[in-house]
Amino acid sequence: MLFGIFGLLLGLGLGLWFPGYFPESISAYVGIMLVACADSIIGGLRARALGDYNESVFFSGFFINALLAAGMTYFGQCIDLELEIAAMVVFATRIFQNLAILRRSLLNLNEK
């Protein structure tokens, strides 16, 4: 837990100290990949709270979701269709569902 907090603080500090900018041509890919990664992280937190966390499932989902989201975005741009909006809706829905489950499990944890 302490290692994760340290990594988060280090990443935030480096991001603020060395601000990076993405070219406009890849900004759609980076945005949808970040949302996909956030979905995987929140899903991992939910699984950890429920006691069924599996590290291999988390890491495979983290990278496969990000690559799949970028692939959908690329394919959508090739056929002139904004598939990243569909992916964003799906990932946002999953994030809110996982947060609701996580919140309920944490609230029930205090009642036991």
N, C-alpha and C. Protein backbone atom coordinates (compact mmCIF):
# COMPACT_ATOMS: atom_id res chain seq x y z
N MET A 1 0.83 -1.20 0.00
CA MET A 1 0.00 0.00 0.00
C MET A 1 0.86 1.25 0.00
N LEU A 2 1.89 1.24 0.83
CA LEU A 2 2.78 2.39 0.91
C LEU A 2 3.54 2.58 -0.40
N PHE A 3 3.89 1.47 -1.05
CA PHE A 3 4.58 1.54 -2.33
C PHE A 3 3.70 2.20 -3.39
N GLY A 4 2.41 1.87 -3.39
CA GLY A 4 1.48 2.47 -4.34
C GLY A 4 1.29 3.97 -4.12
N ILE A 5 1.19 4.35 -2.87
CA ILE A 5 1.05 5.78 -2.54
C ILE A 5 2.30 6.54 -2.93
N PHE A 6 3.46 5.94 -2.66
CA PHE A 6 4.72 6.58 -3.05
C PHE A 6 4.81 6.74 -4.57
N GLY A 7 4.42 5.71 -5.31
CA GLY A 7 4.42 5.79 -6.77
C GLY A 7 3.48 6.84 -7.30
N LEU A 8 2.31 6.95 -6.68
CA LEU A 8 1.35 7.97 -7.08
C LEU A 8 1.89 9.37 -6.84
N LEU A 9 2.46 9.59 -5.67
CA LEU A 9 3.02 10.90 -5.37
C LEU A 9 4.21 11.23 -6.26
N LEU A 10 5.04 10.24 -6.53
CA LEU A 10 6.17 10.45 -7.43
C LEU A 10 5.70 10.79 -8.84
N GLY A 11 4.71 10.07 -9.33
CA GLY A 11 4.17 10.35 -10.66
C GLY A 11 3.54 11.72 -10.76
N LEU A 12 2.79 12.11 -9.74
CA LEU A 12 2.19 13.45 -9.74
C LEU A 12 3.26 14.53 -9.69
N GLY A 13 4.27 14.31 -8.86
CA GLY A 13 5.36 15.30 -8.77
C GLY A 13 6.12 15.45 -10.08
N LEU A 14 6.44 14.32 -10.71
CA LEU A 14 7.14 14.38 -11.99
C LEU A 14 6.28 15.01 -13.07
N GLY A 15 4.97 14.72 -13.03
CA GLY A 15 4.06 15.32 -14.00
C GLY A 15 3.95 16.82 -13.86
N LEU A 16 3.99 17.29 -12.64
CA LEU A 16 3.93 18.74 -12.42
C LEU A 16 5.27 19.41 -12.71
N TRP A 17 6.36 18.71 -12.44
CA TRP A 17 7.69 19.28 -12.64
C TRP A 17 8.08 19.31 -14.12
N PHE A 18 7.74 18.24 -14.85
CA PHE A 18 8.06 18.13 -16.27
C PHE A 18 6.77 17.97 -17.06
N PRO A 19 6.05 19.06 -17.28
CA PRO A 19 4.78 18.91 -18.01
C PRO A 19 5.03 18.46 -19.45
N GLY A 20 4.27 17.48 -19.86
CA GLY A 20 4.40 16.96 -21.22
C GLY A 20 3.17 17.28 -22.03
N TYR A 21 3.35 17.37 -23.29
CA TYR A 21 2.24 17.68 -24.18
C TYR A 21 2.20 16.63 -25.28
N PHE A 22 0.99 16.21 -25.61
CA PHE A 22 0.81 15.24 -26.67
C PHE A 22 0.41 15.98 -27.94
N PRO A 23 0.93 15.54 -29.06
CA PRO A 23 0.50 16.16 -30.32
C PRO A 23 -1.00 15.93 -30.54
N GLU A 24 -1.60 16.85 -31.23
CA GLU A 24 -3.05 16.76 -31.46
C GLU A 24 -3.42 15.48 -32.21
N SER A 25 -2.51 14.96 -33.00
CA SER A 25 -2.81 13.77 -33.78
C SER A 25 -3.01 12.52 -32.92
N ILE A 26 -2.42 12.49 -31.73
CA ILE A 26 -2.59 11.31 -30.88
C ILE A 26 -3.38 11.60 -29.61
N SER A 27 -3.91 12.80 -29.48
CA SER A 27 -4.61 13.15 -28.24
C SER A 27 -5.86 12.31 -28.03
N ALA A 28 -6.57 11.94 -29.09
CA ALA A 28 -7.75 11.10 -28.94
C ALA A 28 -7.37 9.72 -28.40
N TYR A 29 -6.25 9.19 -28.88
CA TYR A 29 -5.78 7.88 -28.41
C TYR A 29 -5.37 7.93 -26.95
N VAL A 30 -4.64 8.95 -26.57
CA VAL A 30 -4.17 9.07 -25.19
C VAL A 30 -5.35 9.23 -24.25
N GLY A 31 -6.32 10.04 -24.63
CA GLY A 31 -7.48 10.27 -23.78
C GLY A 31 -8.28 9.00 -23.53
N ILE A 32 -8.58 8.25 -24.57
CA ILE A 32 -9.38 7.04 -24.38
C ILE A 32 -8.57 5.96 -23.67
N MET A 33 -7.25 5.94 -23.89
CA MET A 33 -6.42 4.96 -23.19
C MET A 33 -6.35 5.28 -21.70
N LEU A 34 -6.32 6.54 -21.33
CA LEU A 34 -6.32 6.91 -19.92
C LEU A 34 -7.62 6.53 -19.24
N VAL A 35 -8.73 6.70 -19.93
CA VAL A 35 -10.02 6.32 -19.36
C VAL A 35 -10.09 4.79 -19.21
N ALA A 36 -9.57 4.06 -20.19
CA ALA A 36 -9.55 2.60 -20.11
C ALA A 36 -8.68 2.14 -18.94
N CYS A 37 -7.56 2.78 -18.74
CA CYS A 37 -6.68 2.43 -17.62
C CYS A 37 -7.33 2.78 -16.28
N ALA A 38 -8.02 3.90 -16.23
CA ALA A 38 -8.74 4.28 -15.00
C ALA A 38 -9.82 3.25 -14.69
N ASP A 39 -10.50 2.75 -15.71
CA ASP A 39 -11.50 1.70 -15.52
C ASP A 39 -10.86 0.45 -14.93
N SER A 40 -9.71 0.07 -15.43
CA SER A 40 -9.03 -1.12 -14.91
C SER A 40 -8.58 -0.92 -13.47
N ILE A 41 -8.08 0.26 -13.15
CA ILE A 41 -7.63 0.53 -11.79
C ILE A 41 -8.79 0.49 -10.81
N ILE A 42 -9.89 1.11 -11.15
CA ILE A 42 -11.05 1.12 -10.26
C ILE A 42 -11.65 -0.28 -10.16
N GLY A 43 -11.63 -1.03 -11.26
CA GLY A 43 -12.08 -2.42 -11.20
C GLY A 43 -11.19 -3.25 -10.31
N GLY A 44 -9.88 -2.99 -10.33
CA GLY A 44 -8.96 -3.69 -9.44
C GLY A 44 -9.21 -3.35 -7.98
N LEU A 45 -9.51 -2.09 -7.70
CA LEU A 45 -9.85 -1.69 -6.33
C LEU A 45 -11.13 -2.38 -5.85
N ARG A 46 -12.10 -2.47 -6.74
CA ARG A 46 -13.35 -3.16 -6.41
C ARG A 46 -13.09 -4.63 -6.12
N ALA A 47 -12.30 -5.27 -6.98
CA ALA A 47 -11.99 -6.68 -6.77
C ALA A 47 -11.22 -6.89 -5.48
N ARG A 48 -10.33 -5.99 -5.17
CA ARG A 48 -9.56 -6.10 -3.92
C ARG A 48 -10.48 -5.96 -2.70
N ALA A 49 -11.43 -5.04 -2.77
CA ALA A 49 -12.36 -4.84 -1.66
C ALA A 49 -13.28 -6.05 -1.48
N LEU A 50 -13.63 -6.72 -2.58
CA LEU A 50 -14.51 -7.88 -2.50
C LEU A 50 -13.74 -9.17 -2.23
N GLY A 51 -12.42 -9.10 -2.30
CA GLY A 51 -11.60 -10.27 -1.98
C GLY A 51 -11.34 -11.21 -3.13
N ASP A 52 -11.61 -10.81 -4.36
CA ASP A 52 -11.33 -11.69 -5.50
C ASP A 52 -10.36 -11.06 -6.49
N TYR A 53 -9.39 -10.33 -5.97
CA TYR A 53 -8.38 -9.68 -6.80
C TYR A 53 -7.38 -10.72 -7.32
N ASN A 54 -7.06 -10.62 -8.61
CA ASN A 54 -6.07 -11.48 -9.24
C ASN A 54 -5.14 -10.58 -10.04
N GLU A 55 -3.88 -10.60 -9.70
CA GLU A 55 -2.92 -9.69 -10.31
C GLU A 55 -2.79 -9.90 -11.82
N SER A 56 -2.80 -11.13 -12.29
CA SER A 56 -2.67 -11.37 -13.73
C SER A 56 -3.89 -10.87 -14.48
N VAL A 57 -5.07 -11.00 -13.88
CA VAL A 57 -6.28 -10.47 -14.52
C VAL A 57 -6.21 -8.94 -14.57
N PHE A 58 -5.72 -8.34 -13.50
CA PHE A 58 -5.62 -6.88 -13.47
C PHE A 58 -4.67 -6.36 -14.54
N PHE A 59 -3.45 -6.91 -14.59
CA PHE A 59 -2.47 -6.39 -15.54
C PHE A 59 -2.86 -6.69 -16.99
N SER A 60 -3.41 -7.87 -17.24
CA SER A 60 -3.84 -8.17 -18.61
C SER A 60 -4.99 -7.25 -19.01
N GLY A 61 -5.93 -7.02 -18.10
CA GLY A 61 -7.04 -6.12 -18.41
C GLY A 61 -6.58 -4.69 -18.59
N PHE A 62 -5.60 -4.27 -17.80
CA PHE A 62 -5.08 -2.92 -17.89
C PHE A 62 -4.54 -2.64 -19.29
N PHE A 63 -3.68 -3.52 -19.79
CA PHE A 63 -3.05 -3.28 -21.09
C PHE A 63 -3.97 -3.63 -22.25
N ILE A 64 -4.74 -4.69 -22.13
CA ILE A 64 -5.63 -5.07 -23.23
C ILE A 64 -6.74 -4.04 -23.41
N ASN A 65 -7.31 -3.53 -22.30
CA ASN A 65 -8.34 -2.50 -22.42
C ASN A 65 -7.79 -1.24 -23.08
N ALA A 66 -6.58 -0.84 -22.70
CA ALA A 66 -5.99 0.37 -23.28
C ALA A 66 -5.72 0.17 -24.77
N LEU A 67 -5.17 -0.97 -25.12
CA LEU A 67 -4.89 -1.23 -26.55
C LEU A 67 -6.17 -1.39 -27.36
N LEU A 68 -7.16 -2.04 -26.79
CA LEU A 68 -8.44 -2.19 -27.49
C LEU A 68 -9.11 -0.84 -27.70
N ALA A 69 -9.06 0.03 -26.70
CA ALA A 69 -9.65 1.36 -26.84
C ALA A 69 -8.92 2.17 -27.91
N ALA A 70 -7.59 2.09 -27.93
CA ALA A 70 -6.83 2.80 -28.96
C ALA A 70 -7.12 2.20 -30.34
N GLY A 71 -7.25 0.90 -30.42
CA GLY A 71 -7.58 0.25 -31.69
C GLY A 71 -8.95 0.66 -32.20
N MET A 72 -9.93 0.73 -31.29
CA MET A 72 -11.26 1.17 -31.70
C MET A 72 -11.23 2.62 -32.19
N THR A 73 -10.46 3.44 -31.52
CA THR A 73 -10.34 4.84 -31.93
C THR A 73 -9.71 4.94 -33.31
N TYR A 74 -8.65 4.18 -33.54
CA TYR A 74 -7.98 4.19 -34.85
C TYR A 74 -8.92 3.68 -35.93
N PHE A 75 -9.59 2.57 -35.68
CA PHE A 75 -10.51 2.02 -36.67
C PHE A 75 -11.64 3.00 -36.96
N GLY A 76 -12.15 3.65 -35.92
CA GLY A 76 -13.20 4.64 -36.13
C GLY A 76 -12.74 5.82 -36.97
N GLN A 77 -11.48 6.26 -36.75
CA GLN A 77 -10.96 7.35 -37.57
C GLN A 77 -10.75 6.92 -39.01
N CYS A 78 -10.42 5.65 -39.22
CA CYS A 78 -10.23 5.14 -40.60
C CYS A 78 -11.54 5.14 -41.37
N ILE A 79 -12.64 4.82 -40.71
CA ILE A 79 -13.93 4.78 -41.40
C ILE A 79 -14.77 6.03 -41.15
N ASP A 80 -14.13 7.04 -40.56
CA ASP A 80 -14.77 8.34 -40.30
C ASP A 80 -16.01 8.19 -39.41
N LEU A 81 -15.82 7.43 -38.31
CA LEU A 81 -16.87 7.21 -37.34
C LEU A 81 -16.25 7.37 -35.95
N GLU A 82 -16.88 8.10 -35.08
CA GLU A 82 -16.30 8.39 -33.77
C GLU A 82 -16.60 7.27 -32.77
N LEU A 83 -15.87 6.16 -32.93
CA LEU A 83 -16.05 5.01 -32.03
C LEU A 83 -15.51 5.29 -30.63
N GLU A 84 -14.65 6.29 -30.50
CA GLU A 84 -14.13 6.59 -29.16
C GLU A 84 -15.24 7.08 -28.23
N ILE A 85 -16.30 7.63 -28.80
CA ILE A 85 -17.43 8.05 -27.96
C ILE A 85 -18.12 6.83 -27.38
N ALA A 86 -18.30 5.79 -28.18
CA ALA A 86 -18.91 4.56 -27.69
C ALA A 86 -18.03 3.93 -26.61
N ALA A 87 -16.73 3.90 -26.85
CA ALA A 87 -15.81 3.33 -25.85
C ALA A 87 -15.83 4.17 -24.58
N MET A 88 -15.90 5.47 -24.71
CA MET A 88 -15.93 6.36 -23.54
C MET A 88 -17.19 6.11 -22.71
N VAL A 89 -18.33 5.92 -23.38
CA VAL A 89 -19.58 5.65 -22.67
C VAL A 89 -19.48 4.32 -21.91
N VAL A 90 -18.94 3.30 -22.57
CA VAL A 90 -18.81 1.99 -21.92
C VAL A 90 -17.87 2.07 -20.73
N PHE A 91 -16.71 2.68 -20.90
CA PHE A 91 -15.76 2.78 -19.80
C PHE A 91 -16.29 3.63 -18.65
N ALA A 92 -16.96 4.72 -18.98
CA ALA A 92 -17.52 5.58 -17.93
C ALA A 92 -18.61 4.84 -17.16
N THR A 93 -19.44 4.06 -17.85
CA THR A 93 -20.46 3.27 -17.18
C THR A 93 -19.83 2.26 -16.24
N ARG A 94 -18.79 1.58 -16.72
CA ARG A 94 -18.11 0.60 -15.87
C ARG A 94 -17.44 1.26 -14.67
N ILE A 95 -16.87 2.44 -14.87
CA ILE A 95 -16.24 3.16 -13.75
C ILE A 95 -17.27 3.48 -12.68
N PHE A 96 -18.42 4.01 -13.09
CA PHE A 96 -19.46 4.36 -12.11
C PHE A 96 -20.03 3.12 -11.43
N GLN A 97 -20.19 2.02 -12.16
CA GLN A 97 -20.67 0.78 -11.54
C GLN A 97 -19.67 0.25 -10.52
N ASN A 98 -18.39 0.25 -10.90
CA ASN A 98 -17.36 -0.24 -9.98
C ASN A 98 -17.25 0.65 -8.75
N LEU A 99 -17.37 1.96 -8.94
CA LEU A 99 -17.33 2.87 -7.78
C LEU A 99 -18.52 2.64 -6.86
N ALA A 100 -19.69 2.37 -7.43
CA ALA A 100 -20.87 2.10 -6.61
C ALA A 100 -20.69 0.81 -5.81
N ILE A 101 -20.16 -0.23 -6.45
CA ILE A 101 -19.92 -1.50 -5.75
C ILE A 101 -18.86 -1.31 -4.68
N LEU A 102 -17.80 -0.58 -5.01
CA LEU A 102 -16.73 -0.33 -4.05
C LEU A 102 -17.26 0.45 -2.84
N ARG A 103 -18.07 1.45 -3.09
CA ARG A 103 -18.64 2.24 -2.01
C ARG A 103 -19.52 1.38 -1.11
N ARG A 104 -20.37 0.55 -1.74
CA ARG A 104 -21.25 -0.32 -0.94
C ARG A 104 -20.44 -1.31 -0.10
N SER A 105 -19.39 -1.87 -0.69
CA SER A 105 -18.60 -2.85 0.06
C SER A 105 -17.86 -2.18 1.21
N LEU A 106 -17.38 -0.96 1.00
CA LEU A 106 -16.71 -0.25 2.09
C LEU A 106 -17.67 0.16 3.19
N LEU A 107 -18.89 0.55 2.82
CA LEU A 107 -19.89 0.90 3.83
C LEU A 107 -20.35 -0.32 4.61
N ASN A 108 -20.50 -1.45 3.93
CA ASN A 108 -20.89 -2.69 4.61
C ASN A 108 -19.76 -3.23 5.48
N LEU A 109 -18.53 -2.93 5.13
CA LEU A 109 -17.39 -3.38 5.91
C LEU A 109 -17.43 -2.77 7.31
N ASN A 110 -17.87 -1.54 7.40
CA ASN A 110 -17.95 -0.88 8.70
C ASN A 110 -19.09 -1.41 9.56
N GLU A 111 -20.11 -2.00 8.94
CA GLU A 111 -21.26 -2.50 9.69
C GLU A 111 -20.98 -3.86 10.32
N LYS A 112 -20.04 -4.63 9.79
CA LYS A 112 -19.79 -5.99 10.27
C LYS A 112 -19.05 -6.01 11.56
